[in-house]
Amino acid sequence: MRSRPAPARSRALPLAGCLALLLAPACSGQDGESRAKASRAPATATAGTPAAATAGSLWSAISRDRARGVAHSSSAPWYRTAREAMPTTVFRVNGVMDNRYVSDLFVVARVTSVEGGRSYSWPNGPDVAGAPSGKKVHAFNASDADVSTVYITATVERSVARASDLPAGTSVRLGITMLGKADLKSFQADVPGTRIAALLVANERSAYPEDPDVFGILENGDLLGRIDDQDVVTFPAWERGPRDGAGALVGVPLTELLSPVTPIAVKSP
């Protein structure tokens, strides 16, 4: 059993050019309350930054948002690898088994379609104590929105869940939140047909309360992986994902992701 210090419960998010996520789940209790809820609405985007995505790849667009200052996680995670973020991972805090968990569902699936979701804005700026931001919901890619959401529909090949696994053939919808307008046509052109491996969080812990059937993707899309013909998974947008000495992406065999993880010991003050 390995031991590691407990992470801080929260860390400061950059204000300039930063978009705090509607919700960025990390590790939650059995009651489903997220330890990583982002309570702040977005600050204004950096001046001169184009609103629309220019990359034709969904993963490039996710990475682009991070480069522009989007916070993809609002608390230090308890996991260091995708395998440790699996729904079945068990944590031991100060020697006692803990009921916190990272993800609710892991799916291997094939994308069938990509569609526009909703857009959101915060006219009153970031939340402050005692002063709600007044979040507004808009149609997809609305001109006055701060963020737009993209929904991916995929057919499940296999799954691992905290509760009940999804049967093969089940259709699932996954959501990703993007800064400004999303380049939906490009995503629709190159994403359908892709085999994916994704670590998901249930809707009550995700950013899409208006669409209850939509799962969130851990770290707002970072833990959305692509699977090649050899069943090797890469996480192109995950900043902390496995890389070689030259910084190039390193794939993880799907069998390795699915193998059991030794309980992780966490020390907490």
C-alpha atoms as a PDB file:
ATOM      1  CA  MET A   1       0.000   0.000   0.000  1.00  0.00           C
ATOM      2  CA  ARG A   2       1.337   3.386  -0.989  1.00  0.00           C
ATOM      3  CA  SER A   3       1.013   6.526   1.097  1.00  0.00           C
ATOM      4  CA  ARG A   4       0.755  10.105  -0.001  1.00  0.00           C
ATOM      5  CA  PRO A   5      -0.107  13.394   1.682  1.00  0.00           C
ATOM      6  CA  ALA A   6      -3.711  14.491   1.488  1.00  0.00           C
ATOM      7  CA  PRO A   7      -4.256  17.254  -1.041  1.00  0.00           C
ATOM      8  CA  ALA A   8      -5.359  20.707  -0.070  1.00  0.00           C
ATOM      9  CA  ARG A   9      -9.110  21.033  -0.303  1.00  0.00           C
ATOM     10  CA  SER A  10      -8.899  23.870  -2.761  1.00  0.00           C
ATOM     11  CA  ARG A  11      -6.407  26.001  -4.598  1.00  0.00           C
ATOM     12  CA  ALA A  12      -6.672  29.494  -5.949  1.00  0.00           C
ATOM     13  CA  LEU A  13      -7.909  29.824  -9.508  1.00  0.00           C
ATOM     14  CA  PRO A  14      -6.313  32.421 -11.791  1.00  0.00           C
ATOM     15  CA  LEU A  15      -8.543  35.455 -12.327  1.00  0.00           C
ATOM     16  CA  ALA A  16      -7.100  36.973 -15.499  1.00  0.00           C
ATOM     17  CA  GLY A  17      -8.136  35.067 -18.581  1.00  0.00           C
ATOM     18  CA  CYS A  18      -9.626  32.286 -16.454  1.00  0.00           C
ATOM     19  CA  LEU A  19     -12.883  30.426 -16.663  1.00  0.00           C
ATOM     20  CA  ALA A  20     -13.874  28.540 -13.520  1.00  0.00           C
ATOM     21  CA  LEU A  21     -15.819  25.438 -14.453  1.00  0.00           C
ATOM     22  CA  LEU A  22     -19.466  25.068 -13.581  1.00  0.00           C
ATOM     23  CA  LEU A  23     -18.240  22.020 -11.660  1.00  0.00           C
ATOM     24  CA  ALA A  24     -14.924  20.163 -11.722  1.00  0.00           C
ATOM     25  CA  PRO A  25     -15.326  17.017  -9.607  1.00  0.00           C
ATOM     26  CA  ALA A  26     -12.320  15.417  -7.964  1.00  0.00           C
ATOM     27  CA  CYS A  27     -13.039  13.207  -4.955  1.00  0.00           C
ATOM     28  CA  SER A  28     -16.435  12.917  -3.322  1.00  0.00           C
ATOM     29  CA  GLY A  29     -18.123  11.375  -0.343  1.00  0.00           C
ATOM     30  CA  GLN A  30     -20.695   8.616  -0.431  1.00  0.00           C
ATOM     31  CA  ASP A  31     -23.467  11.204  -0.309  1.00  0.00           C
ATOM     32  CA  GLY A  32     -22.311  12.545  -3.669  1.00  0.00           C
ATOM     33  CA  GLU A  33     -21.209  15.944  -2.383  1.00  0.00           C
ATOM     34  CA  SER A  34     -18.207  17.023  -4.442  1.00  0.00           C
ATOM     35  CA  ARG A  35     -15.041  18.133  -2.705  1.00  0.00           C
ATOM     36  CA  ALA A  36     -14.148  20.061  -5.790  1.00  0.00           C
ATOM     37  CA  LYS A  37     -17.217  22.135  -6.602  1.00  0.00           C
ATOM     38  CA  ALA A  38     -16.235  25.299  -8.410  1.00  0.00           C
ATOM     39  CA  SER A  39     -18.450  27.972  -6.908  1.00  0.00           C
ATOM     40  CA  ARG A  40     -17.047  30.812  -8.967  1.00  0.00           C
ATOM     41  CA  ALA A  41     -18.418  31.982 -12.266  1.00  0.00           C
ATOM     42  CA  PRO A  42     -15.948  32.995 -14.980  1.00  0.00           C
ATOM     43  CA  ALA A  43     -13.953  36.163 -15.038  1.00  0.00           C
ATOM     44  CA  THR A  44     -13.682  37.959 -18.364  1.00  0.00           C
ATOM     45  CA  ALA A  45     -11.576  36.180 -20.988  1.00  0.00           C
ATOM     46  CA  THR A  46      -8.221  37.678 -21.930  1.00  0.00           C
ATOM     47  CA  ALA A  47      -8.629  40.576 -24.357  1.00  0.00           C
ATOM     48  CA  GLY A  48      -7.872  39.675 -27.941  1.00  0.00           C
ATOM     49  CA  THR A  49      -8.513  35.951 -27.493  1.00  0.00           C
ATOM     50  CA  PRO A  50     -10.746  34.607 -30.303  1.00  0.00           C
ATOM     51  CA  ALA A  51     -14.043  33.222 -29.099  1.00  0.00           C
ATOM     52  CA  ALA A  52     -14.408  30.370 -31.582  1.00  0.00           C
ATOM     53  CA  ALA A  53     -12.277  27.234 -31.577  1.00  0.00           C
ATOM     54  CA  THR A  54      -9.932  27.064 -34.539  1.00  0.00           C
ATOM     55  CA  ALA A  55      -8.760  23.481 -34.013  1.00  0.00           C
ATOM     56  CA  GLY A  56     -10.597  20.753 -35.899  1.00  0.00           C
ATOM     57  CA  SER A  57      -9.924  18.255 -33.128  1.00  0.00           C
ATOM     58  CA  LEU A  58     -11.986  18.032 -29.971  1.00  0.00           C
ATOM     59  CA  TRP A  59      -8.869  17.209 -27.944  1.00  0.00           C
ATOM     60  CA  SER A  60      -6.982  20.175 -29.373  1.00  0.00           C
ATOM     61  CA  ALA A  61      -9.857  22.433 -28.384  1.00  0.00           C
ATOM     62  CA  ILE A  62      -9.808  21.111 -24.817  1.00  0.00           C
ATOM     63  CA  SER A  63      -6.050  21.745 -24.640  1.00  0.00           C
ATOM     64  CA  ARG A  64      -6.530  25.179 -26.191  1.00  0.00           C
ATOM     65  CA  ASP A  65      -8.871  26.216 -23.394  1.00  0.00           C
ATOM     66  CA  ARG A  66      -6.264  25.250 -20.808  1.00  0.00           C
ATOM     67  CA  ALA A  67      -3.604  27.263 -22.641  1.00  0.00           C
ATOM     68  CA  ARG A  68      -5.944  30.252 -22.463  1.00  0.00           C
ATOM     69  CA  GLY A  69      -6.170  29.935 -18.713  1.00  0.00           C
ATOM     70  CA  VAL A  70      -9.195  27.725 -18.150  1.00  0.00           C
ATOM     71  CA  ALA A  71      -9.033  25.917 -14.813  1.00  0.00           C
ATOM     72  CA  HIS A  72      -9.812  22.244 -15.446  1.00  0.00           C
ATOM     73  CA  SER A  73      -9.682  21.204 -11.818  1.00  0.00           C
ATOM     74  CA  SER A  74     -10.459  23.239  -8.713  1.00  0.00           C
ATOM     75  CA  SER A  75      -8.770  21.030  -6.135  1.00  0.00           C
ATOM     76  CA  ALA A  76      -5.720  18.831  -6.004  1.00  0.00           C
ATOM     77  CA  PRO A  77      -6.841  15.320  -6.967  1.00  0.00           C
ATOM     78  CA  TRP A  78      -6.169  12.204  -4.937  1.00  0.00           C
ATOM     79  CA  TYR A  79      -5.126  10.325  -8.054  1.00  0.00           C
ATOM     80  CA  ARG A  80      -1.946  10.434 -10.124  1.00  0.00           C
ATOM     81  CA  THR A  81      -2.942   8.149 -12.977  1.00  0.00           C
ATOM     82  CA  ALA A  82      -6.110   7.378 -14.894  1.00  0.00           C
ATOM     83  CA  ARG A  83      -6.085   3.914 -13.362  1.00  0.00           C
ATOM     84  CA  GLU A  84      -6.150   5.415  -9.866  1.00  0.00           C
ATOM     85  CA  ALA A  85      -9.180   7.523 -10.859  1.00  0.00           C
ATOM     86  CA  MET A  86     -11.284   4.456 -11.673  1.00  0.00           C
ATOM     87  CA  PRO A  87     -14.660   4.136  -9.889  1.00  0.00           C
ATOM     88  CA  THR A  88     -13.455   1.055  -8.004  1.00  0.00           C
ATOM     89  CA  THR A  89     -10.397   2.725  -6.438  1.00  0.00           C
ATOM     90  CA  VAL A  90     -10.409   2.574  -2.657  1.00  0.00           C
ATOM     91  CA  PHE A  91      -8.751   5.176  -0.410  1.00  0.00           C
ATOM     92  CA  ARG A  92      -7.506   4.715   3.143  1.00  0.00           C
ATOM     93  CA  VAL A  93      -7.204   7.986   5.081  1.00  0.00           C
ATOM     94  CA  ASN A  94      -4.976   7.911   8.162  1.00  0.00           C
ATOM     95  CA  GLY A  95      -5.307   4.145   8.234  1.00  0.00           C
ATOM     96  CA  VAL A  96      -9.098   4.112   8.005  1.00  0.00           C
ATOM     97  CA  MET A  97     -11.062   3.047   4.924  1.00  0.00           C
ATOM     98  CA  ASP A  98     -12.729   6.135   3.432  1.00  0.00           C
ATOM     99  CA  ASN A  99     -15.962   6.488   1.442  1.00  0.00           C
ATOM    100  CA  ARG A 100     -14.634   9.131  -0.950  1.00  0.00           C
ATOM    101  CA  TYR A 101     -14.236   8.322  -4.599  1.00  0.00           C
ATOM    102  CA  VAL A 102     -13.075   9.998  -7.792  1.00  0.00           C
ATOM    103  CA  SER A 103     -15.301   8.850 -10.649  1.00  0.00           C
ATOM    104  CA  ASP A 104     -18.683   7.153 -10.913  1.00  0.00           C
ATOM    105  CA  LEU A 105     -18.284   5.356 -14.233  1.00  0.00           C
ATOM    106  CA  PHE A 106     -15.604   4.282 -16.712  1.00  0.00           C
ATOM    107  CA  VAL A 107     -16.711   3.481 -20.247  1.00  0.00           C
ATOM    108  CA  VAL A 108     -15.150   2.053 -23.362  1.00  0.00           C
ATOM    109  CA  ALA A 109     -17.406   3.236 -26.164  1.00  0.00           C
ATOM    110  CA  ARG A 110     -17.645   4.302 -29.795  1.00  0.00           C
ATOM    111  CA  VAL A 111     -18.829   7.815 -30.603  1.00  0.00           C
ATOM    112  CA  THR A 112     -21.955   7.954 -32.748  1.00  0.00           C
ATOM    113  CA  SER A 113     -22.657  11.694 -32.786  1.00  0.00           C
ATOM    114  CA  VAL A 114     -21.644  15.116 -31.457  1.00  0.00           C
ATOM    115  CA  GLU A 115     -24.193  17.858 -30.818  1.00  0.00           C
ATOM    116  CA  GLY A 116     -24.393  21.318 -29.363  1.00  0.00           C
ATOM    117  CA  GLY A 117     -25.706  21.595 -25.821  1.00  0.00           C
ATOM    118  CA  ARG A 118     -26.371  24.859 -24.019  1.00  0.00           C
ATOM    119  CA  SER A 119     -24.425  28.035 -23.348  1.00  0.00           C
ATOM    120  CA  TYR A 120     -24.038  29.932 -20.087  1.00  0.00           C
ATOM    121  CA  SER A 121     -23.099  33.417 -18.962  1.00  0.00           C
ATOM    122  CA  TRP A 122     -22.497  35.211 -15.685  1.00  0.00           C
ATOM    123  CA  PRO A 123     -23.540  38.858 -16.244  1.00  0.00           C
ATOM    124  CA  ASN A 124     -22.622  39.892 -12.719  1.00  0.00           C
ATOM    125  CA  GLY A 125     -19.092  38.499 -12.890  1.00  0.00           C
ATOM    126  CA  PRO A 126     -17.470  36.009 -10.492  1.00  0.00           C
ATOM    127  CA  ASP A 127     -19.262  34.916  -7.344  1.00  0.00           C
ATOM    128  CA  VAL A 128     -18.306  36.617  -4.106  1.00  0.00           C
ATOM    129  CA  ALA A 129     -19.410  35.755  -0.603  1.00  0.00           C
ATOM    130  CA  GLY A 130     -23.118  36.496  -0.230  1.00  0.00           C
ATOM    131  CA  ALA A 131     -23.516  37.709  -3.829  1.00  0.00           C
ATOM    132  CA  PRO A 132     -24.574  35.065  -6.384  1.00  0.00           C
ATOM    133  CA  SER A 133     -23.382  35.521  -9.946  1.00  0.00           C
ATOM    134  CA  GLY A 134     -26.801  35.269 -11.576  1.00  0.00           C
ATOM    135  CA  LYS A 135     -25.943  32.495 -14.043  1.00  0.00           C
ATOM    136  CA  LYS A 136     -27.974  32.630 -17.249  1.00  0.00           C
ATOM    137  CA  VAL A 137     -28.727  29.734 -19.606  1.00  0.00           C
ATOM    138  CA  HIS A 138     -28.648  30.363 -23.366  1.00  0.00           C
ATOM    139  CA  ALA A 139     -29.041  28.445 -26.611  1.00  0.00           C
ATOM    140  CA  PHE A 140     -25.914  26.725 -27.961  1.00  0.00           C
ATOM    141  CA  ASN A 141     -23.129  29.109 -29.086  1.00  0.00           C
ATOM    142  CA  ALA A 142     -25.100  32.194 -28.095  1.00  0.00           C
ATOM    143  CA  SER A 143     -23.216  35.379 -28.914  1.00  0.00           C
ATOM    144  CA  ASP A 144     -23.452  36.734 -25.358  1.00  0.00           C
ATOM    145  CA  ALA A 145     -22.464  33.490 -23.598  1.00  0.00           C
ATOM    146  CA  ASP A 146     -19.221  32.896 -21.692  1.00  0.00           C
ATOM    147  CA  VAL A 147     -19.134  29.142 -22.322  1.00  0.00           C
ATOM    148  CA  SER A 148     -20.772  26.599 -24.613  1.00  0.00           C
ATOM    149  CA  THR A 149     -21.257  22.895 -24.026  1.00  0.00           C
ATOM    150  CA  VAL A 150     -20.791  20.020 -26.455  1.00  0.00           C
ATOM    151  CA  TYR A 151     -22.536  16.679 -25.947  1.00  0.00           C
ATOM    152  CA  ILE A 152     -21.029  13.427 -27.233  1.00  0.00           C
ATOM    153  CA  THR A 153     -23.257  10.384 -27.735  1.00  0.00           C
ATOM    154  CA  ALA A 154     -21.499   7.018 -27.699  1.00  0.00           C
ATOM    155  CA  THR A 155     -22.406   3.329 -27.635  1.00  0.00           C
ATOM    156  CA  VAL A 156     -20.918   1.423 -24.699  1.00  0.00           C
ATOM    157  CA  GLU A 157     -18.716  -1.634 -25.352  1.00  0.00           C
ATOM    158  CA  ARG A 158     -17.865  -2.230 -21.706  1.00  0.00           C
ATOM    159  CA  SER A 159     -17.992  -0.314 -18.453  1.00  0.00           C
ATOM    160  CA  VAL A 160     -16.907  -0.252 -14.819  1.00  0.00           C
ATOM    161  CA  ALA A 161     -19.157   1.515 -12.320  1.00  0.00           C
ATOM    162  CA  ARG A 162     -19.380   2.248  -8.624  1.00  0.00           C
ATOM    163  CA  ALA A 163     -22.904   0.827  -8.650  1.00  0.00           C
ATOM    164  CA  SER A 164     -24.206  -1.075 -11.694  1.00  0.00           C
ATOM    165  CA  ASP A 165     -22.166  -1.485 -14.878  1.00  0.00           C
ATOM    166  CA  LEU A 166     -23.859  -0.418 -18.113  1.00  0.00           C
ATOM    167  CA  PRO A 167     -24.710  -3.262 -20.505  1.00  0.00           C
ATOM    168  CA  ALA A 168     -22.944  -3.344 -23.859  1.00  0.00           C
ATOM    169  CA  GLY A 169     -24.960  -1.472 -26.459  1.00  0.00           C
ATOM    170  CA  THR A 170     -26.191   1.186 -24.020  1.00  0.00           C
ATOM    171  CA  SER A 171     -26.125   4.738 -25.361  1.00  0.00           C
ATOM    172  CA  VAL A 172     -24.509   7.368 -23.113  1.00  0.00           C
ATOM    173  CA  ARG A 173     -24.141  11.146 -23.426  1.00  0.00           C
ATOM    174  CA  LEU A 174     -21.015  12.947 -22.209  1.00  0.00           C
ATOM    175  CA  GLY A 175     -20.592  16.684 -21.810  1.00  0.00           C
ATOM    176  CA  ILE A 176     -17.642  19.050 -22.272  1.00  0.00           C
ATOM    177  CA  THR A 177     -17.698  22.767 -21.473  1.00  0.00           C
ATOM    178  CA  MET A 178     -15.730  25.104 -23.739  1.00  0.00           C
ATOM    179  CA  LEU A 179     -14.750  28.733 -23.539  1.00  0.00           C
ATOM    180  CA  GLY A 180     -16.726  30.983 -25.869  1.00  0.00           C
ATOM    181  CA  LYS A 181     -18.116  29.278 -28.966  1.00  0.00           C
ATOM    182  CA  ALA A 182     -17.449  25.642 -29.843  1.00  0.00           C
ATOM    183  CA  ASP A 183     -16.376  24.578 -33.341  1.00  0.00           C
ATOM    184  CA  LEU A 184     -19.182  22.042 -33.632  1.00  0.00           C
ATOM    185  CA  LYS A 185     -18.865  21.372 -37.376  1.00  0.00           C
ATOM    186  CA  SER A 186     -15.236  20.333 -36.999  1.00  0.00           C
ATOM    187  CA  PHE A 187     -16.054  18.048 -34.091  1.00  0.00           C
ATOM    188  CA  GLN A 188     -18.913  16.464 -36.034  1.00  0.00           C
ATOM    189  CA  ALA A 189     -16.555  15.835 -38.943  1.00  0.00           C
ATOM    190  CA  ASP A 190     -13.737  14.047 -37.102  1.00  0.00           C
ATOM    191  CA  VAL A 191     -15.038  12.616 -33.809  1.00  0.00           C
ATOM    192  CA  PRO A 192     -17.877  10.199 -34.718  1.00  0.00           C
ATOM    193  CA  GLY A 193     -16.588   6.648 -35.134  1.00  0.00           C
ATOM    194  CA  THR A 194     -13.761   7.194 -32.635  1.00  0.00           C
ATOM    195  CA  ARG A 195     -13.354   4.622 -29.860  1.00  0.00           C
ATOM    196  CA  ILE A 196     -13.042   6.372 -26.543  1.00  0.00           C
ATOM    197  CA  ALA A 197     -12.229   5.529 -22.940  1.00  0.00           C
ATOM    198  CA  ALA A 198     -13.671   8.035 -20.496  1.00  0.00           C
ATOM    199  CA  LEU A 199     -13.775   8.510 -16.738  1.00  0.00           C
ATOM    200  CA  LEU A 200     -17.167   9.985 -15.912  1.00  0.00           C
ATOM    201  CA  VAL A 201     -19.016  11.603 -13.042  1.00  0.00           C
ATOM    202  CA  ALA A 202     -22.748  11.332 -12.465  1.00  0.00           C
ATOM    203  CA  ASN A 203     -24.971  14.226 -13.467  1.00  0.00           C
ATOM    204  CA  GLU A 204     -25.537  15.441  -9.923  1.00  0.00           C
ATOM    205  CA  ARG A 205     -21.790  16.076  -9.721  1.00  0.00           C
ATOM    206  CA  SER A 206     -21.440  17.400 -13.268  1.00  0.00           C
ATOM    207  CA  ALA A 207     -21.961  20.762 -14.936  1.00  0.00           C
ATOM    208  CA  TYR A 208     -25.174  19.937 -16.780  1.00  0.00           C
ATOM    209  CA  PRO A 209     -28.162  20.124 -14.410  1.00  0.00           C
ATOM    210  CA  GLU A 210     -30.482  21.167 -17.252  1.00  0.00           C
ATOM    211  CA  ASP A 211     -29.796  17.879 -19.065  1.00  0.00           C
ATOM    212  CA  PRO A 212     -30.040  15.106 -16.435  1.00  0.00           C
ATOM    213  CA  ASP A 213     -28.919  12.268 -18.712  1.00  0.00           C
ATOM    214  CA  VAL A 214     -25.534  13.868 -19.469  1.00  0.00           C
ATOM    215  CA  PHE A 215     -22.426  12.602 -17.649  1.00  0.00           C
ATOM    216  CA  GLY A 216     -19.532  14.918 -16.934  1.00  0.00           C
ATOM    217  CA  ILE A 217     -16.003  13.904 -17.960  1.00  0.00           C
ATOM    218  CA  LEU A 218     -13.407  14.057 -15.198  1.00  0.00           C
ATOM    219  CA  GLU A 219     -11.412  17.312 -15.287  1.00  0.00           C
ATOM    220  CA  ASN A 220     -13.768  18.747 -17.920  1.00  0.00           C
ATOM    221  CA  GLY A 221     -12.662  16.514 -20.751  1.00  0.00           C
ATOM    222  CA  ASP A 222      -9.047  15.834 -19.779  1.00  0.00           C
ATOM    223  CA  LEU A 223      -9.858  12.221 -18.899  1.00  0.00           C
ATOM    224  CA  LEU A 224     -11.399  11.576 -22.311  1.00  0.00           C
ATOM    225  CA  GLY A 225      -9.085   9.081 -23.997  1.00  0.00           C
ATOM    226  CA  ARG A 226      -8.767   7.756 -27.534  1.00  0.00           C
ATOM    227  CA  ILE A 227      -8.311   4.021 -28.135  1.00  0.00           C
ATOM    228  CA  ASP A 228      -6.221   2.775 -31.059  1.00  0.00           C
ATOM    229  CA  ASP A 229      -6.451  -0.522 -32.958  1.00  0.00           C
ATOM    230  CA  GLN A 230      -4.172  -2.199 -30.391  1.00  0.00           C
ATOM    231  CA  ASP A 231      -6.469  -1.256 -27.470  1.00  0.00           C
ATOM    232  CA  VAL A 232      -3.986   1.341 -26.211  1.00  0.00           C
ATOM    233  CA  VAL A 233      -5.470   4.477 -24.640  1.00  0.00           C
ATOM    234  CA  THR A 234      -3.989   7.974 -24.865  1.00  0.00           C
ATOM    235  CA  PHE A 235      -5.279  11.089 -23.109  1.00  0.00           C
ATOM    236  CA  PRO A 236      -4.199  13.872 -25.519  1.00  0.00           C
ATOM    237  CA  ALA A 237      -5.599  16.772 -23.474  1.00  0.00           C
ATOM    238  CA  TRP A 238      -4.533  15.602 -20.006  1.00  0.00           C
ATOM    239  CA  GLU A 239      -1.675  17.770 -18.826  1.00  0.00           C
ATOM    240  CA  ARG A 240      -0.681  15.245 -16.155  1.00  0.00           C
ATOM    241  CA  GLY A 241      -1.089  12.260 -18.462  1.00  0.00           C
ATOM    242  CA  PRO A 242       1.737   9.758 -19.110  1.00  0.00           C
ATOM    243  CA  ARG A 243       4.528  11.045 -21.362  1.00  0.00           C
ATOM    244  CA  ASP A 244       8.024   9.945 -22.276  1.00  0.00           C
ATOM    245  CA  GLY A 245      11.275  11.817 -21.562  1.00  0.00           C
ATOM    246  CA  ALA A 246      10.765  13.986 -24.644  1.00  0.00           C
ATOM    247  CA  GLY A 247       7.271  14.975 -23.543  1.00  0.00           C
ATOM    248  CA  ALA A 248       5.446  12.850 -26.119  1.00  0.00           C
ATOM    249  CA  LEU A 249       2.218  11.090 -25.194  1.00  0.00           C
ATOM    250  CA  VAL A 250       2.551   7.554 -23.900  1.00  0.00           C
ATOM    251  CA  GLY A 251      -0.355   5.184 -24.348  1.00  0.00           C
ATOM    252  CA  VAL A 252      -1.746   2.993 -21.581  1.00  0.00           C
ATOM    253  CA  PRO A 253      -2.988  -0.517 -22.447  1.00  0.00           C
ATOM    254  CA  LEU A 254      -6.701  -0.813 -21.814  1.00  0.00           C
ATOM    255  CA  THR A 255      -6.055  -3.991 -19.839  1.00  0.00           C
ATOM    256  CA  GLU A 256      -3.863  -1.988 -17.464  1.00  0.00           C
ATOM    257  CA  LEU A 257      -6.591   0.598 -16.862  1.00  0.00           C
ATOM    258  CA  LEU A 258      -9.028  -2.192 -16.071  1.00  0.00           C
ATOM    259  CA  SER A 259      -6.736  -4.019 -13.652  1.00  0.00           C
ATOM    260  CA  PRO A 260      -7.395  -3.622  -9.901  1.00  0.00           C
ATOM    261  CA  VAL A 261      -5.603  -0.887  -7.939  1.00  0.00           C
ATOM    262  CA  THR A 262      -4.078  -1.469  -4.517  1.00  0.00           C
ATOM    263  CA  PRO A 263      -5.860   0.687  -1.892  1.00  0.00           C
ATOM    264  CA  ILE A 264      -4.229   4.117  -1.796  1.00  0.00           C
ATOM    265  CA  ALA A 265      -3.212   5.395   1.627  1.00  0.00           C
ATOM    266  CA  VAL A 266      -3.655   9.126   2.217  1.00  0.00           C
ATOM    267  CA  LYS A 267      -2.338  11.063   5.209  1.00  0.00           C
ATOM    268  CA  SER A 268      -4.513  13.935   6.376  1.00  0.00           C
ATOM    269  CA  PRO A 269      -3.770  16.399   9.165  1.00  0.00           C
END
